[in-house]
C-alpha atoms as a PDB file:
ATOM      1  CA  UNK A   1      40.779  69.727 148.550  1.00  0.00           C
ATOM      2  CA  UNK A   2      41.265  73.449 148.086  1.00  0.00           C
ATOM      3  CA  UNK A   3      42.287  76.306 150.335  1.00  0.00           C
ATOM      4  CA  UNK A   4      44.929  74.604 152.427  1.00  0.00           C
ATOM      5  CA  UNK A   5      45.853  77.900 154.112  1.00  0.00           C
ATOM      6  CA  UNK A   6      42.322  78.254 155.507  1.00  0.00           C
ATOM      7  CA  UNK A   7      42.438  74.672 156.762  1.00  0.00           C
ATOM      8  CA  UNK A   8      45.867  75.273 158.331  1.00  0.00           C
ATOM      9  CA  UNK A   9      44.627  78.458 160.009  1.00  0.00           C
ATOM     10  CA  UNK A  10      41.614  76.571 161.356  1.00  0.00           C
ATOM     11  CA  UNK A  11      43.914  73.947 162.836  1.00  0.00           C
ATOM     12  CA  UNK A  12      46.153  76.576 164.440  1.00  0.00           C
ATOM     13  CA  UNK A  13      43.102  78.262 165.963  1.00  0.00           C
ATOM     14  CA  UNK A  14      41.814  74.924 167.246  1.00  0.00           C
ATOM     15  CA  UNK A  15      45.186  73.935 168.720  1.00  0.00           C
ATOM     16  CA  UNK A  16      45.533  77.317 170.442  1.00  0.00           C
ATOM     17  CA  UNK A  17      42.044  76.997 171.949  1.00  0.00           C
ATOM     18  CA  UNK A  18      42.868  73.515 173.259  1.00  0.00           C
ATOM     19  CA  UNK A  19      46.289  74.606 174.556  1.00  0.00           C
ATOM     20  CA  UNK A  20      44.727  77.520 176.471  1.00  0.00           C
ATOM     21  CA  UNK A  21      42.647  74.952 178.353  1.00  0.00           C
ATOM     22  CA  UNK A  22      45.809  73.098 179.408  1.00  0.00           C
ATOM     23  CA  UNK A  23      48.494  75.677 180.282  1.00  0.00           C
ATOM     24  CA  UNK A  24      50.770  72.888 181.547  1.00  0.00           C
ATOM     25  CA  UNK A  25      51.138  71.638 177.960  1.00  0.00           C
ATOM     26  CA  UNK A  26      54.819  71.556 177.095  1.00  0.00           C
ATOM     27  CA  UNK A  27      55.042  71.472 173.319  1.00  0.00           C
ATOM     28  CA  UNK A  28      56.451  73.081 170.236  1.00  0.00           C
ATOM     29  CA  UNK A  29      54.880  73.273 166.822  1.00  0.00           C
ATOM     30  CA  UNK A  30      57.232  72.597 163.918  1.00  0.00           C
ATOM     31  CA  UNK A  31      55.891  73.606 160.520  1.00  0.00           C
ATOM     32  CA  UNK A  32      57.791  72.671 157.389  1.00  0.00           C
ATOM     33  CA  UNK A  33      57.369  75.167 154.585  1.00  0.00           C
ATOM     34  CA  UNK A  34      58.320  73.007 151.622  1.00  0.00           C
ATOM     35  CA  UNK A  35      59.564  74.786 148.479  1.00  0.00           C
ATOM     36  CA  UNK A  36      57.203  77.746 148.789  1.00  0.00           C
ATOM     37  CA  UNK A  37      56.224  79.510 145.563  1.00  0.00           C
ATOM     38  CA  UNK A  38      58.171  82.764 145.167  1.00  0.00           C
ATOM     39  CA  UNK A  39      55.055  84.964 145.006  1.00  0.00           C
ATOM     40  CA  UNK A  40      53.386  83.529 148.110  1.00  0.00           C
ATOM     41  CA  UNK A  41      54.098  85.299 151.410  1.00  0.00           C
ATOM     42  CA  UNK A  42      56.000  83.184 153.929  1.00  0.00           C
ATOM     43  CA  UNK A  43      53.896  81.281 156.461  1.00  0.00           C
ATOM     44  CA  UNK A  44      55.117  83.582 159.236  1.00  0.00           C
ATOM     45  CA  UNK A  45      53.269  86.477 157.552  1.00  0.00           C
ATOM     46  CA  UNK A  46      50.464  84.592 155.787  1.00  0.00           C
ATOM     47  CA  UNK A  47      48.878  83.183 158.946  1.00  0.00           C
ATOM     48  CA  UNK A  48      47.444  84.596 162.157  1.00  0.00           C
ATOM     49  CA  UNK A  49      49.167  83.280 165.261  1.00  0.00           C
ATOM     50  CA  UNK A  50      46.460  82.913 167.910  1.00  0.00           C
ATOM     51  CA  UNK A  51      47.095  83.516 171.589  1.00  0.00           C
ATOM     52  CA  UNK A  52      47.900  80.327 173.460  1.00  0.00           C
ATOM     53  CA  UNK A  53      49.576  78.537 170.574  1.00  0.00           C
ATOM     54  CA  UNK A  54      52.681  76.594 171.669  1.00  0.00           C
ATOM     55  CA  UNK A  55      55.985  78.054 170.434  1.00  0.00           C
ATOM     56  CA  UNK A  56      56.270  77.725 166.657  1.00  0.00           C
ATOM     57  CA  UNK A  57      59.314  77.021 164.528  1.00  0.00           C
ATOM     58  CA  UNK A  58      59.031  77.163 160.760  1.00  0.00           C
ATOM     59  CA  UNK A  59      61.588  75.199 158.785  1.00  0.00           C
ATOM     60  CA  UNK A  60      61.831  76.478 155.214  1.00  0.00           C
ATOM     61  CA  UNK A  61      63.009  73.986 152.593  1.00  0.00           C
ATOM     62  CA  UNK A  62      64.127  75.877 149.484  1.00  0.00           C
ATOM     63  CA  UNK A  63      62.876  74.903 146.010  1.00  0.00           C
ATOM     64  CA  UNK A  64      66.407  73.790 145.069  1.00  0.00           C
ATOM     65  CA  UNK A  65      66.126  70.897 147.545  1.00  0.00           C
ATOM     66  CA  UNK A  66      62.783  69.860 146.070  1.00  0.00           C
ATOM     67  CA  UNK A  67      64.197  69.977 142.537  1.00  0.00           C
ATOM     68  CA  UNK A  68      67.119  67.776 143.586  1.00  0.00           C
ATOM     69  CA  UNK A  69      64.805  64.940 144.660  1.00  0.00           C
ATOM     70  CA  UNK A  70      64.630  62.086 142.144  1.00  0.00           C
ATOM     71  CA  UNK A  71      60.828  61.992 142.133  1.00  0.00           C
ATOM     72  CA  UNK A  72      60.318  65.783 142.130  1.00  0.00           C
ATOM     73  CA  UNK A  73      58.693  65.725 138.702  1.00  0.00           C
ATOM     74  CA  UNK A  74      56.172  63.082 139.820  1.00  0.00           C
ATOM     75  CA  UNK A  75      55.393  64.219 143.359  1.00  0.00           C
ATOM     76  CA  UNK A  76      54.234  67.814 143.746  1.00  0.00           C
ATOM     77  CA  UNK A  77      54.507  67.663 147.519  1.00  0.00           C
ATOM     78  CA  UNK A  78      56.659  64.894 149.018  1.00  0.00           C
ATOM     79  CA  UNK A  79      54.951  64.890 152.410  1.00  0.00           C
ATOM     80  CA  UNK A  80      57.123  62.174 153.933  1.00  0.00           C
ATOM     81  CA  UNK A  81      60.318  64.066 153.113  1.00  0.00           C
ATOM     82  CA  UNK A  82      58.779  67.171 154.691  1.00  0.00           C
ATOM     83  CA  UNK A  83      57.690  65.239 157.786  1.00  0.00           C
ATOM     84  CA  UNK A  84      61.179  63.788 158.101  1.00  0.00           C
ATOM     85  CA  UNK A  85      62.652  67.323 158.004  1.00  0.00           C
ATOM     86  CA  UNK A  86      60.319  68.339 160.840  1.00  0.00           C
ATOM     87  CA  UNK A  87      60.919  65.233 162.938  1.00  0.00           C
ATOM     88  CA  UNK A  88      64.686  65.556 162.715  1.00  0.00           C
ATOM     89  CA  UNK A  89      64.511  69.137 163.958  1.00  0.00           C
ATOM     90  CA  UNK A  90      61.915  68.660 166.686  1.00  0.00           C
ATOM     91  CA  UNK A  91      63.259  69.160 170.199  1.00  0.00           C
ATOM     92  CA  UNK A  92      60.720  67.239 172.262  1.00  0.00           C
ATOM     93  CA  UNK A  93      60.976  63.828 173.855  1.00  0.00           C
ATOM     94  CA  UNK A  94      57.812  62.728 172.042  1.00  0.00           C
ATOM     95  CA  UNK A  95      56.622  63.663 168.579  1.00  0.00           C
ATOM     96  CA  UNK A  96      53.161  63.828 167.124  1.00  0.00           C
ATOM     97  CA  UNK A  97      53.501  63.835 163.349  1.00  0.00           C
ATOM     98  CA  UNK A  98      50.468  64.991 161.442  1.00  0.00           C
ATOM     99  CA  UNK A  99      49.328  67.095 158.500  1.00  0.00           C
ATOM    100  CA  UNK A 100      48.627  70.792 158.625  1.00  0.00           C
ATOM    101  CA  UNK A 101      44.906  70.317 158.188  1.00  0.00           C
ATOM    102  CA  UNK A 102      44.288  67.811 160.978  1.00  0.00           C
ATOM    103  CA  UNK A 103      42.388  69.030 164.023  1.00  0.00           C
ATOM    104  CA  UNK A 104      43.807  67.994 167.391  1.00  0.00           C
ATOM    105  CA  UNK A 105      40.961  67.748 169.871  1.00  0.00           C
ATOM    106  CA  UNK A 106      40.906  68.848 173.482  1.00  0.00           C
ATOM    107  CA  UNK A 107      41.059  65.271 174.774  1.00  0.00           C
ATOM    108  CA  UNK A 108      44.266  64.572 172.855  1.00  0.00           C
ATOM    109  CA  UNK A 109      45.804  67.851 174.044  1.00  0.00           C
ATOM    110  CA  UNK A 110      44.838  66.962 177.627  1.00  0.00           C
ATOM    111  CA  UNK A 111      46.567  63.576 177.292  1.00  0.00           C
ATOM    112  CA  UNK A 112      49.700  65.282 175.961  1.00  0.00           C
ATOM    113  CA  UNK A 113      49.568  67.932 178.705  1.00  0.00           C
ATOM    114  CA  UNK A 114      49.420  65.294 181.442  1.00  0.00           C
ATOM    115  CA  UNK A 115      52.762  63.937 180.180  1.00  0.00           C
ATOM    116  CA  UNK A 116      51.890  60.352 181.087  1.00  0.00           C
ATOM    117  CA  UNK A 117      53.051  58.741 177.864  1.00  0.00           C
ATOM    118  CA  UNK A 118      54.984  55.500 177.845  1.00  0.00           C
ATOM    119  CA  UNK A 119      58.222  55.889 175.905  1.00  0.00           C
ATOM    120  CA  UNK A 120      58.086  52.208 174.971  1.00  0.00           C
ATOM    121  CA  UNK A 121      54.657  52.498 173.382  1.00  0.00           C
ATOM    122  CA  UNK A 122      53.494  53.485 169.932  1.00  0.00           C
ATOM    123  CA  UNK A 123      50.273  55.478 169.967  1.00  0.00           C
ATOM    124  CA  UNK A 124      47.768  55.956 167.188  1.00  0.00           C
ATOM    125  CA  UNK A 125      44.346  57.499 166.943  1.00  0.00           C
ATOM    126  CA  UNK A 126      41.506  57.128 164.482  1.00  0.00           C
ATOM    127  CA  UNK A 127      41.066  59.992 162.048  1.00  0.00           C
ATOM    128  CA  UNK A 128      37.714  61.389 161.018  1.00  0.00           C
ATOM    129  CA  UNK A 129      37.665  63.442 157.817  1.00  0.00           C
ATOM    130  CA  UNK A 130      35.274  66.367 158.130  1.00  0.00           C
ATOM    131  CA  UNK A 131      35.342  67.441 154.483  1.00  0.00           C
ATOM    132  CA  UNK A 132      32.756  70.228 154.218  1.00  0.00           C
ATOM    133  CA  UNK A 133      30.811  69.375 157.381  1.00  0.00           C
ATOM    134  CA  UNK A 134      31.749  72.638 159.083  1.00  0.00           C
ATOM    135  CA  UNK A 135      31.924  76.219 158.023  1.00  0.00           C
ATOM    136  CA  UNK A 136      35.020  78.378 158.693  1.00  0.00           C
ATOM    137  CA  UNK A 137      32.903  80.621 160.936  1.00  0.00           C
ATOM    138  CA  UNK A 138      32.821  77.724 163.450  1.00  0.00           C
ATOM    139  CA  UNK A 139      36.517  78.165 164.176  1.00  0.00           C
ATOM    140  CA  UNK A 140      35.889  79.747 167.575  1.00  0.00           C
ATOM    141  CA  UNK A 141      34.572  76.526 169.091  1.00  0.00           C
ATOM    142  CA  UNK A 142      35.741  72.972 169.396  1.00  0.00           C
ATOM    143  CA  UNK A 143      35.518  71.663 165.859  1.00  0.00           C
ATOM    144  CA  UNK A 144      36.391  68.186 167.035  1.00  0.00           C
ATOM    145  CA  UNK A 145      32.872  67.946 168.418  1.00  0.00           C
ATOM    146  CA  UNK A 146      31.630  68.014 164.794  1.00  0.00           C
ATOM    147  CA  UNK A 147      33.297  64.722 163.873  1.00  0.00           C
END
């Protein structure tokens, strides 16, 4: 729904704010930059990288890979291929796979920071779509309170 880069920036800001509250958080952020348009600046330059954000790795998938996919003409962004690329390159014991415009709240970050996950369990959480219920100027606070 329009302006993905603003939504991604909002999520990075939110994650950094939550991570600053839990300095014991051991995490990495893997972003997959799937077949970026040639005229768009790379994510590394297009986004602000707020203080407190976990280490970030950006995996760039060139357009040639996208074009080689059998469904490339039908699927403008094959999100599950992109997620698979990120998962296979992630270095952590646990992985949280999500989209670039999903806010991770402070409670979830606290749970991850405590490192008390059961490796034999599968975790899930309900998602609440905010749509236009917040304005970008709210990015300084905890947007998860708005849901």
